[in-house]
Amino acid sequence: REVLRHPTVEKAVMVELDRTVVDLCREYMPSLSAGAFDDPRAELVITDGVKFMAETDQRFDVIIVDSTDPIGPGEVLFTSEFYADCRRCLTPGGVLVTQNGVPIMQPREVTTTHRRLSPVFADASFYVAVVPTYVGGMMTLAWASDDAALRRQAVADIAPRVEAAGLDLRYYTAALHVGSFALPGYVSRLMA
């Protein structure tokens, strides 16, 4: 839904393992998708995400992995092999973002993810976001790209693009974008 709010997005592919998740969300929580599944730019693929990334020949500017934690079936979404497949599927200058849990409660996720992403991408780091529905509040999201300059953009460079998008953004600002990469000391140490 949020990706499709951006008018410059030509296509958004959502890969979901279980069609029932989509069907139940459409029926009982339609406000979550807000019609996104009916957007002609949306493509819904029901399959295993790891299998999809390993087999697709599609290329993406951005890959967002909004997964479960790295336990049980979700564990394969945190492997070096999966990250390598994601990198292969990115366009030059593309970005991979993955959820990485609450660092104060799940510090090993940060360390393990960084160790697995770093050999695959020229630039691998994290940013933080406040997600009040999670215990601990502050979540880390992994950021990986072969273009290190993307993560180091200034507010003055980002702000005009945000304004030009013309979106009513409740949370995101150019300053917040830049500030999100300023990690607390304990998170930085988890990456060492």
N, C-alpha and C. Protein backbone atom coordinates (compact mmCIF):
# COMPACT_ATOMS: atom_id res chain seq x y z
N ARG A 1 0.83 -1.19 0.00
CA ARG A 1 0.00 0.00 0.00
C ARG A 1 0.87 1.24 0.00
N GLU A 2 1.84 1.30 0.88
CA GLU A 2 2.65 2.51 0.99
C GLU A 2 3.51 2.73 -0.24
N VAL A 3 4.06 1.67 -0.79
CA VAL A 3 4.88 1.80 -2.00
C VAL A 3 4.04 2.37 -3.14
N LEU A 4 2.82 1.90 -3.27
CA LEU A 4 1.96 2.32 -4.38
C LEU A 4 1.40 3.73 -4.20
N ARG A 5 1.61 4.35 -3.08
CA ARG A 5 1.23 5.76 -2.91
C ARG A 5 2.11 6.66 -3.76
N HIS A 6 3.29 6.19 -4.10
CA HIS A 6 4.24 7.00 -4.86
C HIS A 6 3.92 6.92 -6.35
N PRO A 7 3.59 8.06 -6.97
CA PRO A 7 3.18 8.03 -8.38
C PRO A 7 4.29 7.61 -9.35
N THR A 8 5.53 7.70 -8.94
CA THR A 8 6.63 7.30 -9.83
C THR A 8 6.85 5.79 -9.86
N VAL A 9 6.21 5.07 -8.97
CA VAL A 9 6.35 3.60 -8.96
C VAL A 9 5.58 3.03 -10.16
N GLU A 10 6.30 2.30 -10.99
CA GLU A 10 5.69 1.71 -12.18
C GLU A 10 5.07 0.35 -11.89
N LYS A 11 5.70 -0.39 -10.97
CA LYS A 11 5.23 -1.74 -10.67
C LYS A 11 5.68 -2.10 -9.27
N ALA A 12 4.82 -2.78 -8.54
CA ALA A 12 5.16 -3.30 -7.21
C ALA A 12 4.77 -4.77 -7.16
N VAL A 13 5.75 -5.60 -6.89
CA VAL A 13 5.52 -7.05 -6.81
C VAL A 13 5.53 -7.44 -5.35
N MET A 14 4.44 -8.06 -4.90
CA MET A 14 4.36 -8.57 -3.53
C MET A 14 4.39 -10.09 -3.60
N VAL A 15 5.33 -10.67 -2.89
CA VAL A 15 5.44 -12.12 -2.83
C VAL A 15 4.98 -12.55 -1.44
N GLU A 16 3.97 -13.41 -1.40
CA GLU A 16 3.41 -13.89 -0.13
C GLU A 16 3.31 -15.40 -0.20
N LEU A 17 3.74 -16.05 0.84
CA LEU A 17 3.75 -17.50 0.90
C LEU A 17 2.34 -18.09 0.95
N ASP A 18 1.43 -17.42 1.64
CA ASP A 18 0.12 -17.99 1.95
C ASP A 18 -1.00 -17.10 1.44
N ARG A 19 -1.74 -17.57 0.45
CA ARG A 19 -2.84 -16.78 -0.12
C ARG A 19 -3.89 -16.44 0.95
N THR A 20 -4.04 -17.31 1.93
CA THR A 20 -5.03 -17.06 2.98
C THR A 20 -4.74 -15.75 3.71
N VAL A 21 -3.48 -15.42 3.88
CA VAL A 21 -3.12 -14.15 4.54
C VAL A 21 -3.72 -12.98 3.75
N VAL A 22 -3.56 -13.00 2.46
CA VAL A 22 -4.09 -11.93 1.61
C VAL A 22 -5.61 -11.93 1.64
N ASP A 23 -6.21 -13.09 1.49
CA ASP A 23 -7.67 -13.19 1.47
C ASP A 23 -8.28 -12.70 2.78
N LEU A 24 -7.71 -13.10 3.91
CA LEU A 24 -8.23 -12.66 5.20
C LEU A 24 -8.05 -11.16 5.40
N CYS A 25 -6.92 -10.62 4.96
CA CYS A 25 -6.70 -9.18 5.07
C CYS A 25 -7.70 -8.41 4.21
N ARG A 26 -7.95 -8.90 3.01
CA ARG A 26 -8.92 -8.23 2.13
C ARG A 26 -10.32 -8.25 2.74
N GLU A 27 -10.69 -9.39 3.33
CA GLU A 27 -12.05 -9.54 3.86
C GLU A 27 -12.25 -8.84 5.20
N TYR A 28 -11.32 -9.03 6.12
CA TYR A 28 -11.54 -8.56 7.49
C TYR A 28 -10.77 -7.29 7.86
N MET A 29 -9.76 -6.93 7.08
CA MET A 29 -8.98 -5.73 7.38
C MET A 29 -8.72 -4.93 6.10
N PRO A 30 -9.76 -4.57 5.38
CA PRO A 30 -9.56 -3.89 4.09
C PRO A 30 -8.84 -2.55 4.21
N SER A 31 -8.90 -1.92 5.37
CA SER A 31 -8.22 -0.63 5.52
C SER A 31 -6.70 -0.78 5.48
N LEU A 32 -6.19 -1.98 5.77
CA LEU A 32 -4.73 -2.19 5.72
C LEU A 32 -4.19 -2.07 4.30
N SER A 33 -4.88 -2.67 3.36
CA SER A 33 -4.40 -2.60 1.97
C SER A 33 -4.94 -1.38 1.24
N ALA A 34 -6.03 -0.82 1.72
CA ALA A 34 -6.62 0.40 1.15
C ALA A 34 -6.71 0.34 -0.38
N GLY A 35 -7.10 -0.82 -0.90
CA GLY A 35 -7.28 -0.98 -2.34
C GLY A 35 -6.02 -1.26 -3.12
N ALA A 36 -4.90 -1.44 -2.45
CA ALA A 36 -3.62 -1.64 -3.15
C ALA A 36 -3.63 -2.87 -4.04
N PHE A 37 -4.33 -3.91 -3.64
CA PHE A 37 -4.35 -5.13 -4.45
C PHE A 37 -5.07 -4.92 -5.78
N ASP A 38 -5.90 -3.88 -5.86
CA ASP A 38 -6.64 -3.58 -7.08
C ASP A 38 -5.91 -2.58 -7.97
N ASP A 39 -4.81 -2.05 -7.50
CA ASP A 39 -4.01 -1.10 -8.28
C ASP A 39 -3.40 -1.84 -9.48
N PRO A 40 -3.54 -1.33 -10.70
CA PRO A 40 -2.99 -2.04 -11.86
C PRO A 40 -1.47 -2.19 -11.83
N ARG A 41 -0.80 -1.41 -11.01
CA ARG A 41 0.66 -1.54 -10.89
C ARG A 41 1.06 -2.66 -9.94
N ALA A 42 0.10 -3.21 -9.21
CA ALA A 42 0.39 -4.25 -8.21
C ALA A 42 0.35 -5.63 -8.85
N GLU A 43 1.34 -6.42 -8.50
CA GLU A 43 1.38 -7.82 -8.92
C GLU A 43 1.56 -8.67 -7.67
N LEU A 44 0.61 -9.56 -7.42
CA LEU A 44 0.67 -10.44 -6.26
C LEU A 44 1.12 -11.82 -6.73
N VAL A 45 2.19 -12.31 -6.12
CA VAL A 45 2.73 -13.63 -6.45
C VAL A 45 2.63 -14.49 -5.20
N ILE A 46 1.89 -15.58 -5.28
CA ILE A 46 1.76 -16.49 -4.15
C ILE A 46 2.78 -17.61 -4.33
N THR A 47 3.85 -17.52 -3.57
CA THR A 47 4.91 -18.54 -3.62
C THR A 47 5.87 -18.27 -2.47
N ASP A 48 6.80 -19.13 -2.31
CA ASP A 48 7.86 -18.96 -1.32
C ASP A 48 8.79 -17.84 -1.78
N GLY A 49 9.05 -16.87 -0.91
CA GLY A 49 9.89 -15.73 -1.27
C GLY A 49 11.31 -16.11 -1.63
N VAL A 50 11.86 -17.08 -0.93
CA VAL A 50 13.23 -17.53 -1.22
C VAL A 50 13.28 -18.15 -2.61
N LYS A 51 12.30 -18.98 -2.92
CA LYS A 51 12.21 -19.62 -4.24
C LYS A 51 12.05 -18.56 -5.32
N PHE A 52 11.18 -17.60 -5.08
CA PHE A 52 10.95 -16.53 -6.05
C PHE A 52 12.24 -15.79 -6.37
N MET A 53 12.96 -15.37 -5.34
CA MET A 53 14.20 -14.61 -5.56
C MET A 53 15.26 -15.46 -6.24
N ALA A 54 15.30 -16.73 -5.95
CA ALA A 54 16.30 -17.61 -6.57
C ALA A 54 16.02 -17.84 -8.05
N GLU A 55 14.74 -17.82 -8.43
CA GLU A 55 14.36 -18.20 -9.79
C GLU A 55 14.00 -17.04 -10.71
N THR A 56 13.67 -15.89 -10.17
CA THR A 56 13.20 -14.80 -11.03
C THR A 56 14.33 -14.18 -11.83
N ASP A 57 13.96 -13.67 -13.00
CA ASP A 57 14.92 -12.89 -13.79
C ASP A 57 14.54 -11.41 -13.77
N GLN A 58 13.55 -11.07 -12.95
CA GLN A 58 13.14 -9.67 -12.81
C GLN A 58 14.21 -8.88 -12.06
N ARG A 59 14.25 -7.57 -12.33
CA ARG A 59 15.16 -6.67 -11.62
C ARG A 59 14.32 -5.60 -10.93
N PHE A 60 14.76 -5.21 -9.74
CA PHE A 60 14.02 -4.27 -8.92
C PHE A 60 14.92 -3.14 -8.45
N ASP A 61 14.36 -1.95 -8.36
CA ASP A 61 15.09 -0.81 -7.80
C ASP A 61 15.19 -0.93 -6.28
N VAL A 62 14.15 -1.47 -5.68
CA VAL A 62 14.08 -1.63 -4.23
C VAL A 62 13.47 -2.99 -3.92
N ILE A 63 14.04 -3.68 -2.97
CA ILE A 63 13.47 -4.93 -2.45
C ILE A 63 13.25 -4.72 -0.96
N ILE A 64 12.01 -4.86 -0.53
CA ILE A 64 11.64 -4.72 0.89
C ILE A 64 11.23 -6.10 1.39
N VAL A 65 11.93 -6.59 2.39
CA VAL A 65 11.60 -7.89 2.97
C VAL A 65 10.97 -7.63 4.34
N ASP A 66 9.65 -7.76 4.40
CA ASP A 66 8.92 -7.58 5.65
C ASP A 66 8.54 -8.97 6.14
N SER A 67 9.48 -9.59 6.81
CA SER A 67 9.34 -11.00 7.17
C SER A 67 9.04 -11.19 8.65
N THR A 68 8.86 -12.43 8.99
CA THR A 68 8.80 -12.80 10.40
C THR A 68 10.22 -12.77 10.96
N ASP A 69 10.38 -13.10 12.20
CA ASP A 69 11.71 -13.19 12.80
C ASP A 69 12.45 -14.40 12.23
N PRO A 70 13.78 -14.44 12.37
CA PRO A 70 14.56 -15.54 11.80
C PRO A 70 14.50 -16.83 12.61
N ILE A 71 13.29 -17.33 12.76
CA ILE A 71 13.09 -18.62 13.42
C ILE A 71 12.10 -19.41 12.57
N GLY A 72 12.19 -20.70 12.63
CA GLY A 72 11.27 -21.54 11.88
C GLY A 72 11.32 -21.26 10.39
N PRO A 73 10.16 -21.18 9.74
CA PRO A 73 10.12 -21.00 8.29
C PRO A 73 10.75 -19.68 7.82
N GLY A 74 10.75 -18.66 8.67
CA GLY A 74 11.31 -17.37 8.29
C GLY A 74 12.82 -17.31 8.30
N GLU A 75 13.46 -18.31 8.85
CA GLU A 75 14.92 -18.31 9.00
C GLU A 75 15.65 -18.19 7.67
N VAL A 76 15.10 -18.78 6.61
CA VAL A 76 15.77 -18.77 5.30
C VAL A 76 15.83 -17.37 4.69
N LEU A 77 14.99 -16.45 5.18
CA LEU A 77 14.99 -15.08 4.67
C LEU A 77 16.12 -14.25 5.27
N PHE A 78 16.94 -14.86 6.11
CA PHE A 78 18.05 -14.17 6.76
C PHE A 78 19.39 -14.84 6.42
N THR A 79 19.45 -15.56 5.31
CA THR A 79 20.66 -16.29 4.96
C THR A 79 21.49 -15.52 3.93
N SER A 80 22.77 -15.83 3.88
CA SER A 80 23.66 -15.23 2.88
C SER A 80 23.19 -15.55 1.47
N GLU A 81 22.69 -16.75 1.26
CA GLU A 81 22.23 -17.16 -0.06
C GLU A 81 21.04 -16.31 -0.51
N PHE A 82 20.11 -16.08 0.40
CA PHE A 82 18.95 -15.24 0.06
C PHE A 82 19.40 -13.82 -0.25
N TYR A 83 20.30 -13.29 0.56
CA TYR A 83 20.79 -11.93 0.32
C TYR A 83 21.51 -11.84 -1.03
N ALA A 84 22.25 -12.87 -1.40
CA ALA A 84 22.93 -12.88 -2.70
C ALA A 84 21.92 -12.89 -3.84
N ASP A 85 20.83 -13.64 -3.68
CA ASP A 85 19.78 -13.64 -4.70
C ASP A 85 19.13 -12.26 -4.80
N CYS A 86 18.92 -11.62 -3.66
CA CYS A 86 18.36 -10.26 -3.68
C CYS A 86 19.29 -9.31 -4.42
N ARG A 87 20.57 -9.39 -4.14
CA ARG A 87 21.54 -8.52 -4.81
C ARG A 87 21.50 -8.74 -6.32
N ARG A 88 21.45 -9.99 -6.74
CA ARG A 88 21.39 -10.31 -8.16
C ARG A 88 20.16 -9.68 -8.82
N CYS A 89 19.08 -9.56 -8.07
CA CYS A 89 17.82 -9.04 -8.61
C CYS A 89 17.69 -7.52 -8.53
N LEU A 90 18.66 -6.85 -7.95
CA LEU A 90 18.62 -5.39 -7.86
C LEU A 90 19.20 -4.75 -9.12
N THR A 91 18.60 -3.64 -9.52
CA THR A 91 19.19 -2.84 -10.58
C THR A 91 20.43 -2.14 -10.03
N PRO A 92 21.31 -1.64 -10.88
CA PRO A 92 22.47 -0.88 -10.37
C PRO A 92 21.99 0.28 -9.49
N GLY A 93 22.57 0.41 -8.32
CA GLY A 93 22.14 1.43 -7.37
C GLY A 93 20.90 1.05 -6.58
N GLY A 94 20.44 -0.19 -6.73
CA GLY A 94 19.25 -0.65 -6.01
C GLY A 94 19.52 -0.84 -4.53
N VAL A 95 18.44 -0.95 -3.76
CA VAL A 95 18.53 -1.04 -2.31
C VAL A 95 17.70 -2.23 -1.81
N LEU A 96 18.28 -2.97 -0.87
CA LEU A 96 17.57 -4.02 -0.14
C LEU A 96 17.33 -3.53 1.28
N VAL A 97 16.10 -3.67 1.75
CA VAL A 97 15.74 -3.33 3.12
C VAL A 97 15.06 -4.54 3.73
N THR A 98 15.49 -4.93 4.94
CA THR A 98 14.86 -6.06 5.63
C THR A 98 14.57 -5.68 7.07
N GLN A 99 13.49 -6.19 7.61
CA GLN A 99 13.20 -5.93 9.02
C GLN A 99 14.18 -6.74 9.86
N ASN A 100 14.57 -6.18 10.99
CA ASN A 100 15.56 -6.85 11.82
C ASN A 100 15.24 -6.84 13.30
N GLY A 101 14.00 -6.61 13.63
CA GLY A 101 13.60 -6.74 15.02
C GLY A 101 14.02 -5.59 15.91
N VAL A 102 13.81 -5.79 17.19
CA VAL A 102 14.09 -4.78 18.22
C VAL A 102 15.49 -5.06 18.76
N PRO A 103 16.45 -4.18 18.50
CA PRO A 103 17.85 -4.50 18.81
C PRO A 103 18.14 -4.68 20.29
N ILE A 104 17.40 -4.03 21.15
CA ILE A 104 17.65 -4.19 22.59
C ILE A 104 17.25 -5.59 23.05
N MET A 105 16.30 -6.20 22.34
CA MET A 105 15.82 -7.53 22.72
C MET A 105 16.34 -8.64 21.80
N GLN A 106 16.77 -8.27 20.60
CA GLN A 106 17.22 -9.26 19.61
C GLN A 106 18.58 -8.84 19.03
N PRO A 107 19.56 -8.64 19.88
CA PRO A 107 20.85 -8.12 19.39
C PRO A 107 21.55 -9.05 18.41
N ARG A 108 21.38 -10.34 18.56
CA ARG A 108 22.05 -11.28 17.66
C ARG A 108 21.57 -11.14 16.22
N GLU A 109 20.32 -10.72 16.05
CA GLU A 109 19.81 -10.52 14.69
C GLU A 109 20.61 -9.46 13.96
N VAL A 110 20.94 -8.38 14.66
CA VAL A 110 21.72 -7.30 14.04
C VAL A 110 23.10 -7.83 13.67
N THR A 111 23.76 -8.47 14.60
CA THR A 111 25.11 -8.99 14.36
C THR A 111 25.13 -10.00 13.22
N THR A 112 24.23 -10.96 13.27
CA THR A 112 24.19 -12.01 12.25
C THR A 112 23.85 -11.43 10.88
N THR A 113 22.86 -10.57 10.83
CA THR A 113 22.47 -9.98 9.54
C THR A 113 23.62 -9.18 8.95
N HIS A 114 24.28 -8.38 9.78
CA HIS A 114 25.40 -7.57 9.27
C HIS A 114 26.52 -8.46 8.74
N ARG A 115 26.82 -9.53 9.45
CA ARG A 115 27.87 -10.45 9.00
C ARG A 115 27.52 -11.14 7.69
N ARG A 116 26.24 -11.35 7.46
CA ARG A 116 25.82 -12.03 6.23
C ARG A 116 25.66 -11.06 5.06
N LEU A 117 25.26 -9.83 5.34
CA LEU A 117 25.08 -8.85 4.27
C LEU A 117 26.40 -8.25 3.79
N SER A 118 27.32 -8.02 4.71
CA SER A 118 28.56 -7.30 4.38
C SER A 118 29.38 -7.93 3.26
N PRO A 119 29.52 -9.25 3.19
CA PRO A 119 30.28 -9.81 2.07
C PRO A 119 29.55 -9.73 0.73
N VAL A 120 28.24 -9.50 0.77
CA VAL A 120 27.43 -9.53 -0.44
C VAL A 120 27.28 -8.14 -1.06
N PHE A 121 27.20 -7.11 -0.23
CA PHE A 121 26.96 -5.75 -0.69
C PHE A 121 28.13 -4.83 -0.33
N ALA A 122 28.36 -3.82 -1.16
CA ALA A 122 29.42 -2.85 -0.88
C ALA A 122 29.09 -2.01 0.35
N ASP A 123 27.80 -1.78 0.60
CA ASP A 123 27.38 -0.98 1.75
C ASP A 123 26.27 -1.74 2.47
N ALA A 124 26.52 -2.11 3.71
CA ALA A 124 25.52 -2.81 4.52
C ALA A 124 25.49 -2.15 5.89
N SER A 125 24.32 -1.72 6.30
CA SER A 125 24.19 -1.06 7.59
C SER A 125 22.76 -1.25 8.09
N PHE A 126 22.36 -0.39 8.99
CA PHE A 126 21.01 -0.42 9.54
C PHE A 126 20.50 1.00 9.70
N TYR A 127 19.20 1.11 9.78
CA TYR A 127 18.60 2.36 10.23
C TYR A 127 17.55 1.99 11.25
N VAL A 128 17.08 2.97 11.99
CA VAL A 128 16.12 2.70 13.05
C VAL A 128 14.81 3.43 12.76
N ALA A 129 13.74 2.84 13.25
CA ALA A 129 12.42 3.44 13.15
C ALA A 129 11.65 3.08 14.40
N VAL A 130 10.81 3.99 14.83
CA VAL A 130 9.97 3.74 15.99
C VAL A 130 8.72 3.01 15.52
N VAL A 131 8.48 1.83 16.09
CA VAL A 131 7.31 1.03 15.76
C VAL A 131 6.63 0.68 17.08
N PRO A 132 5.66 1.49 17.51
CA PRO A 132 5.07 1.34 18.84
C PRO A 132 4.41 0.00 19.12
N THR A 133 4.05 -0.75 18.09
CA THR A 133 3.39 -2.03 18.31
C THR A 133 4.35 -3.12 18.76
N TYR A 134 5.64 -2.86 18.69
CA TYR A 134 6.64 -3.85 19.12
C TYR A 134 7.18 -3.48 20.49
N VAL A 135 7.33 -4.47 21.35
CA VAL A 135 7.94 -4.25 22.65
C VAL A 135 9.34 -3.71 22.42
N GLY A 136 9.67 -2.64 23.09
CA GLY A 136 10.98 -2.02 22.90
C GLY A 136 10.90 -0.84 21.96
N GLY A 137 9.87 -0.80 21.12
CA GLY A 137 9.59 0.37 20.29
C GLY A 137 10.48 0.60 19.10
N MET A 138 11.77 0.72 19.32
CA MET A 138 12.69 1.04 18.23
C MET A 138 13.12 -0.23 17.51
N MET A 139 12.87 -0.27 16.21
CA MET A 139 13.26 -1.42 15.40
C MET A 139 14.45 -1.06 14.53
N THR A 140 15.24 -2.06 14.20
CA THR A 140 16.29 -1.88 13.22
C THR A 140 15.83 -2.49 11.90
N LEU A 141 16.21 -1.83 10.85
CA LEU A 141 15.97 -2.34 9.51
C LEU A 141 17.30 -2.36 8.79
N ALA A 142 17.62 -3.49 8.20
CA ALA A 142 18.88 -3.60 7.47
C ALA A 142 18.75 -2.85 6.15
N TRP A 143 19.85 -2.25 5.74
CA TRP A 143 19.95 -1.49 4.50
C TRP A 143 21.16 -2.02 3.76
N ALA A 144 21.01 -2.41 2.52
CA ALA A 144 22.14 -2.91 1.75
C ALA A 144 22.05 -2.43 0.31
N SER A 145 23.19 -2.00 -0.21
CA SER A 145 23.27 -1.51 -1.57
C SER A 145 24.72 -1.59 -2.03
N ASP A 146 24.92 -1.53 -3.32
CA ASP A 146 26.29 -1.42 -3.83
C ASP A 146 26.67 0.04 -4.04
N ASP A 147 25.76 0.95 -3.72
CA ASP A 147 26.01 2.39 -3.84
C ASP A 147 26.00 3.01 -2.45
N ALA A 148 27.17 3.15 -1.86
CA ALA A 148 27.28 3.69 -0.49
C ALA A 148 26.81 5.13 -0.40
N ALA A 149 26.84 5.87 -1.50
CA ALA A 149 26.42 7.27 -1.48
C ALA A 149 24.93 7.42 -1.16
N LEU A 150 24.14 6.42 -1.48
CA LEU A 150 22.70 6.51 -1.21
C LEU A 150 22.39 6.72 0.26
N ARG A 151 23.15 6.06 1.11
CA ARG A 151 22.91 6.14 2.55
C ARG A 151 23.44 7.44 3.14
N ARG A 152 24.24 8.15 2.41
CA ARG A 152 24.91 9.33 2.95
C ARG A 152 24.39 10.64 2.33
N GLN A 153 23.18 10.64 1.84
CA GLN A 153 22.62 11.85 1.24
C GLN A 153 22.26 12.86 2.31
N ALA A 154 22.36 14.11 1.96
CA ALA A 154 22.05 15.20 2.89
C ALA A 154 20.57 15.55 2.84
N VAL A 155 20.09 16.15 3.93
CA VAL A 155 18.70 16.60 4.00
C VAL A 155 18.38 17.50 2.81
N ALA A 156 19.31 18.40 2.47
CA ALA A 156 19.09 19.34 1.36
C ALA A 156 18.90 18.63 0.02
N ASP A 157 19.46 17.44 -0.13
CA ASP A 157 19.28 16.67 -1.37
C ASP A 157 17.97 15.89 -1.38
N ILE A 158 17.55 15.45 -0.22
CA ILE A 158 16.35 14.62 -0.12
C ILE A 158 15.07 15.46 -0.07
N ALA A 159 15.10 16.58 0.64
CA ALA A 159 13.90 17.39 0.87
C ALA A 159 13.17 17.79 -0.42
N PRO A 160 13.85 18.25 -1.46
CA PRO A 160 13.11 18.62 -2.68
C PRO A 160 12.39 17.43 -3.32
N ARG A 161 12.98 16.25 -3.23
CA ARG A 161 12.32 15.07 -3.79
C ARG A 161 11.09 14.68 -2.98
N VAL A 162 11.19 14.82 -1.66
CA VAL A 162 10.03 14.53 -0.80
C VAL A 162 8.90 15.50 -1.13
N GLU A 163 9.24 16.76 -1.24
CA GLU A 163 8.22 17.77 -1.55
C GLU A 163 7.61 17.54 -2.93
N ALA A 164 8.44 17.20 -3.91
CA ALA A 164 7.95 16.98 -5.27
C ALA A 164 7.01 15.78 -5.36
N ALA A 165 7.17 14.82 -4.46
CA ALA A 165 6.29 13.65 -4.47
C ALA A 165 4.85 14.03 -4.14
N GLY A 166 4.67 15.12 -3.40
CA GLY A 166 3.32 15.60 -3.12
C GLY A 166 2.48 14.68 -2.26
N LEU A 167 3.11 13.89 -1.44
CA LEU A 167 2.38 12.94 -0.60
C LEU A 167 2.14 13.52 0.79
N ASP A 168 1.03 13.15 1.38
CA ASP A 168 0.75 13.53 2.77
C ASP A 168 1.39 12.48 3.67
N LEU A 169 2.60 12.76 4.10
CA LEU A 169 3.37 11.80 4.89
C LEU A 169 3.23 12.12 6.37
N ARG A 170 2.80 11.17 7.14
CA ARG A 170 2.58 11.38 8.57
C ARG A 170 3.86 11.22 9.38
N TYR A 171 4.79 10.41 8.94
CA TYR A 171 5.99 10.09 9.72
C TYR A 171 7.27 10.57 9.04
N TYR A 172 7.41 10.26 7.79
CA TYR A 172 8.66 10.46 7.07
C TYR A 172 8.92 11.92 6.73
N THR A 173 10.15 12.35 6.97
CA THR A 173 10.65 13.64 6.51
C THR A 173 12.08 13.43 6.03
N ALA A 174 12.61 14.38 5.30
CA ALA A 174 14.00 14.28 4.85
C ALA A 174 14.95 14.24 6.05
N ALA A 175 14.67 15.06 7.05
CA ALA A 175 15.53 15.08 8.25
C ALA A 175 15.46 13.75 8.99
N LEU A 176 14.27 13.17 9.09
CA LEU A 176 14.13 11.87 9.75
C LEU A 176 14.87 10.79 8.96
N HIS A 177 14.82 10.86 7.65
CA HIS A 177 15.54 9.90 6.81
C HIS A 177 17.02 9.90 7.17
N VAL A 178 17.62 11.07 7.17
CA VAL A 178 19.05 11.18 7.48
C VAL A 178 19.32 10.74 8.92
N GLY A 179 18.49 11.20 9.84
CA GLY A 179 18.67 10.86 11.25
C GLY A 179 18.50 9.39 11.57
N SER A 180 17.71 8.69 10.78
CA SER A 180 17.46 7.27 11.02
C SER A 180 18.73 6.43 10.91
N PHE A 181 19.70 6.93 10.17
CA PHE A 181 20.96 6.20 10.01
C PHE A 181 21.96 6.50 11.13
N ALA A 182 21.62 7.43 12.01
CA ALA A 182 22.47 7.71 13.18
C ALA A 182 22.10 6.70 14.26
N LEU A 183 22.90 5.68 14.38
CA LEU A 183 22.57 4.54 15.24
C LEU A 183 23.02 4.76 16.67
N PRO A 184 22.23 4.26 17.63
CA PRO A 184 22.69 4.27 19.02
C PRO A 184 24.00 3.48 19.13
N GLY A 185 24.82 3.84 20.09
CA GLY A 185 26.11 3.19 20.26
C GLY A 185 26.02 1.68 20.37
N TYR A 186 25.04 1.19 21.12
CA TYR A 186 24.97 -0.26 21.31
C TYR A 186 24.64 -0.98 20.00
N VAL A 187 23.89 -0.33 19.10
CA VAL A 187 23.59 -0.95 17.81
C VAL A 187 24.85 -0.94 16.93
N SER A 188 25.57 0.16 16.93
CA SER A 188 26.82 0.22 16.16
C SER A 188 27.80 -0.85 16.62
N ARG A 189 27.87 -1.05 17.92
CA ARG A 189 28.79 -2.07 18.45
C ARG A 189 28.36 -3.48 18.05
N LEU A 190 27.08 -3.70 17.85
CA LEU A 190 26.59 -5.01 17.41
C LEU A 190 27.06 -5.34 16.00
N MET A 191 27.41 -4.31 15.24
CA MET A 191 27.85 -4.50 13.87
C MET A 191 29.35 -4.73 13.76
N ALA A 192 30.07 -4.56 14.86
CA ALA A 192 31.54 -4.67 14.81
C ALA A 192 31.99 -6.10 14.65
